[in-house]
Protein backbone atom coordinates (compact mmCIF):
# COMPACT_ATOMS: atom_id res chain seq x y z
CA MET A 1 11.99 3.82 1.73
CA MET A 2 11.04 6.95 -0.21
CA ASP A 3 9.09 4.77 -2.63
CA ARG A 4 7.19 3.15 0.25
CA PHE A 5 6.46 6.55 1.77
CA SER A 6 5.18 7.76 -1.59
CA ASP A 7 2.88 4.74 -1.83
CA LEU A 8 1.44 5.44 1.60
CA TYR A 9 0.89 9.15 1.03
CA VAL A 10 -0.67 8.83 -2.42
CA VAL A 11 -3.01 6.01 -1.34
CA ALA A 12 -3.92 7.81 1.89
CA LEU A 13 -4.78 11.04 0.07
CA VAL A 14 -6.90 9.23 -2.54
CA ALA A 15 -8.59 7.23 0.24
CA ALA A 16 -9.37 10.46 2.12
CA PHE A 17 -10.93 11.83 -1.08
CA GLY A 18 -12.86 8.57 -1.43
CA LEU A 19 -14.23 8.85 2.09
CA VAL A 20 -15.52 12.31 1.26
CA HIS A 21 -16.81 11.06 -2.10
CA PHE A 22 -18.75 8.25 -0.38
CA ALA A 23 -19.65 10.23 2.74
CA SER A 24 -23.37 9.71 2.21
CA ILE A 25 -23.10 5.91 2.21
CA LEU A 26 -19.89 5.08 4.08
CA ARG A 27 -20.72 5.49 7.75
CA GLY A 28 -20.29 3.83 11.12
CA ASP A 29 -17.45 1.47 12.04
CA LEU A 30 -16.35 0.98 8.44
CA ALA A 31 -15.84 4.71 7.88
CA GLN A 32 -14.07 5.07 11.22
CA ALA A 33 -11.71 2.18 10.49
CA THR A 34 -10.84 3.70 7.10
CA TRP A 35 -10.24 7.16 8.59
CA VAL A 36 -7.96 5.58 11.22
CA ALA A 37 -6.03 3.81 8.44
CA VAL A 38 -5.68 7.13 6.58
CA ALA A 39 -4.41 8.89 9.73
CA VAL A 40 -1.90 6.13 10.53
CA ALA A 41 -0.62 6.12 6.93
CA LEU A 42 -0.06 9.89 7.04
CA ILE A 43 1.45 10.10 10.53
CA ALA A 44 3.49 6.89 10.92
CA PRO A 45 6.23 7.71 8.34
CA LEU A 46 6.71 11.13 9.92
CA LEU A 47 7.82 9.44 13.13
CA LEU A 48 11.05 8.54 11.34
CA MET A 49 11.55 12.14 10.23
CA VAL A 50 10.70 14.01 13.44
CA ARG A 51 13.69 13.99 15.73
CA GLY A 52 11.85 13.36 19.01
CA PRO A 53 10.15 10.01 18.20
CA ALA A 54 13.02 8.89 15.96
CA ASP A 55 15.59 9.58 18.68
CA LEU A 56 13.45 7.76 21.27
CA PHE A 57 13.36 4.67 19.08
CA GLY A 58 17.12 5.01 18.55
CA TRP A 59 17.64 5.14 22.32
CA VAL A 60 15.69 1.88 22.69
CA LEU A 61 17.82 0.26 19.98
CA ARG A 62 21.01 1.47 21.64
CA ARG A 63 19.90 -0.23 24.85
CA LEU A 64 19.38 -3.47 22.94
CA THR A 65 22.44 -3.51 20.68
CA ASP A 66 24.98 -0.99 19.41
CA ARG A 67 25.14 -2.61 15.98
CA TRP A 68 21.45 -2.07 15.19
CA HIS A 69 21.58 1.42 16.65
CA GLU A 70 24.38 2.44 14.27
CA SER A 71 22.53 0.94 11.28
CA TYR A 72 19.38 2.79 12.32
CA ARG A 73 21.28 6.09 12.49
CA ASN A 74 22.66 5.51 8.99
CA VAL A 75 19.18 4.77 7.63
CA LEU A 76 17.76 7.92 9.24
CA ARG A 77 20.60 10.05 7.88
CA SER A 78 20.07 8.68 4.36
CA MET A 79 16.31 9.11 4.49
CA ARG A 80 16.45 12.69 5.73
CA SER A 81 18.89 13.60 2.97
CA LEU A 82 16.42 12.29 0.38
CA VAL A 83 13.19 13.81 1.71
CA TRP A 84 12.89 16.62 -0.82
CA LYS A 85 15.00 15.22 -3.62
CA GLY A 86 13.49 11.74 -3.38
CA LEU A 87 9.85 12.57 -2.77
CA THR A 88 9.59 15.26 -5.45
CA LEU A 89 10.30 12.59 -8.06
CA ALA A 90 8.74 9.57 -6.34
CA ILE A 91 5.31 11.06 -5.57
CA PRO A 92 4.38 12.06 -9.18
CA LEU A 93 5.58 8.70 -10.50
CA THR A 94 3.68 6.86 -7.76
CA ALA A 95 0.53 8.88 -8.47
CA ALA A 96 0.80 7.97 -12.17
CA ALA A 97 1.28 4.28 -11.33
CA PHE A 98 -1.79 4.24 -9.08
CA ALA A 99 -3.82 6.10 -11.72
CA ILE A 100 -3.00 3.24 -14.12
CA ASN A 101 -4.00 0.69 -11.45
CA TYR A 102 -7.34 2.43 -11.04
CA VAL A 103 -7.86 2.31 -14.81
CA GLN A 104 -7.25 -1.44 -14.60
CA GLY A 105 -9.79 -1.66 -11.78
CA TRP A 106 -12.33 0.33 -13.80
CA LEU A 107 -11.84 -2.00 -16.79
CA ILE A 108 -12.30 -5.05 -14.53
CA ALA A 109 -15.53 -3.55 -13.19
CA ARG A 110 -16.78 -2.94 -16.74
CA ALA A 111 -15.82 -6.49 -17.74
CA ILE A 112 -18.09 -8.02 -15.07
CA GLY A 113 -20.93 -5.58 -15.67
CA VAL A 114 -20.42 -3.41 -12.58
CA ASP A 115 -21.42 0.17 -13.36
CA LEU A 116 -18.85 2.21 -11.42
CA SER A 117 -17.20 5.46 -12.44
CA TYR A 118 -13.43 5.90 -12.45
CA LEU A 119 -13.71 8.03 -9.29
CA ASP A 120 -15.76 5.30 -7.61
CA VAL A 121 -13.14 2.67 -8.45
CA ALA A 122 -10.23 4.89 -7.33
CA SER A 123 -12.00 5.63 -4.05
CA LEU A 124 -12.77 1.97 -3.39
CA LEU A 125 -9.35 0.61 -4.34
CA SER A 126 -7.45 3.23 -2.34
CA ALA A 127 -9.50 2.36 0.75
CA THR A 128 -8.93 -1.38 0.24
CA SER A 129 -5.19 -0.74 -0.21
CA LEU A 130 -5.00 0.99 3.15
CA LEU A 131 -7.14 -1.58 4.95
CA GLY A 132 -5.08 -4.32 3.33
CA LEU A 133 -1.99 -3.00 5.14
CA MET A 134 -3.42 -4.20 8.44
CA PRO A 135 -1.40 -7.24 9.56
CA ILE A 136 -4.37 -9.62 9.60
CA SER A 137 -4.13 -11.04 6.08
CA ILE A 138 -1.71 -11.68 3.22
CA ALA A 139 -1.80 -8.91 0.58
CA GLY A 140 -5.18 -7.77 1.92
CA VAL A 141 -6.95 -10.97 0.80
CA GLY A 142 -10.21 -11.20 2.70
CA VAL A 143 -10.06 -7.64 4.03
CA ARG A 144 -10.50 -6.23 0.52
CA GLU A 145 -13.42 -8.53 -0.24
CA LEU A 146 -15.13 -7.85 3.09
CA PHE A 147 -14.89 -4.08 2.57
CA LEU A 148 -16.32 -4.31 -0.95
CA ALA A 149 -19.06 -6.72 0.16
CA LEU A 150 -20.15 -4.13 2.75
CA VAL A 151 -19.93 -1.12 0.42
CA PHE A 152 -21.50 -2.57 -2.74
CA PRO A 153 -25.03 -2.95 -1.28
CA ALA A 154 -24.92 0.73 -0.30
CA LEU A 155 -24.18 1.47 -3.98
CA GLY A 156 -27.19 -0.57 -5.03
CA LEU A 157 -25.07 -3.55 -6.12
CA PRO A 158 -25.04 -7.14 -4.82
CA ALA A 159 -22.48 -8.00 -2.13
CA ALA A 160 -21.45 -11.02 -4.22
CA GLN A 161 -20.37 -8.67 -7.01
CA GLY A 162 -18.19 -6.81 -4.50
CA VAL A 163 -16.46 -10.07 -3.53
CA ALA A 164 -16.01 -11.05 -7.19
CA PHE A 165 -14.63 -7.61 -8.00
CA GLY A 166 -12.14 -7.80 -5.12
CA LEU A 167 -10.93 -11.26 -6.12
CA LEU A 168 -10.49 -10.20 -9.75
CA ILE A 169 -8.53 -7.14 -8.62
CA PHE A 170 -6.23 -9.46 -6.65
CA VAL A 171 -5.76 -11.89 -9.56
CA CYS A 172 -5.43 -9.38 -12.42
CA ILE A 173 -3.37 -6.68 -10.67
CA ASN A 174 -1.55 -8.29 -7.74
CA LEU A 175 -1.17 -11.96 -8.59
CA SER A 176 -0.23 -11.31 -12.23
CA THR A 177 2.67 -9.13 -11.04
CA VAL A 178 3.80 -11.90 -8.69
CA LEU A 179 3.78 -14.41 -11.55
CA VAL A 180 5.87 -12.11 -13.75
CA GLY A 181 8.33 -11.69 -10.86
CA PHE A 182 8.45 -15.47 -10.36
CA VAL A 183 9.33 -16.03 -14.02
CA ALA A 184 11.94 -13.24 -13.94
CA TRP A 185 13.49 -14.78 -10.82
CA GLN A 186 13.84 -18.15 -12.58
CA ILE A 187 15.45 -16.55 -15.64
CA ALA A 188 17.87 -14.24 -13.82
CA PRO A 189 17.82 -14.70 -10.04
CA PRO A 190 19.44 -11.88 -8.05
CA PRO A 191 22.61 -12.69 -6.10
CA VAL A 192 21.68 -13.72 -2.56
CA GLY A 193 24.20 -14.26 0.23
CA ALA A 194 27.96 -14.57 0.05
CA SER A 195 29.49 -16.54 -2.80
CA GLU A 196 31.12 -19.86 -1.93
CA PRO A 197 34.92 -20.04 -2.28
CA ASP A 198 36.22 -22.06 -5.21
CA ALA A 199 37.29 -25.50 -3.88
CA SER A 200 39.95 -25.84 -6.59
CA PHE A 201 42.08 -23.29 -4.77
């Protein structure tokens, strides 16, 4: 949970910087949607830390089932105990990981002849990461490409290059990780479910 929170906060902060960085070209509904995504990413995790909203959700769970309510209380207790200890380590590591991702994105842009600076790439990819969290696509496919197709012309680049850049980001950064995980799962799958009793006994 702390790792997920770190992801959200780092991406949201970089996306906010990107919105300021592209303030002269990123306007209208697209800018508003991105600012809303930034605000939701910053505020939503806090709802589990602030006692009022968290307790209200717990009250709803208690009305539905005692078992889920008790599990929810245990999760909240664990998360609150890790806020400072967990985030102080997770956020720098997460920021470093995203910095490497943005280097990958910059290299992909250079490989297809798109003249973007590292700050441009970081701003674009952080915004697409946030917009990709919207539950309207799988791993942001389509949302990422639409955003880049709308932004690239404002940067003086063809919309088709924005779509190509988004698809290459998905293949080189996201899909390659999935393939490595698939191979690792085949070699050493994690234990799932309860083990079957030995019939010989």
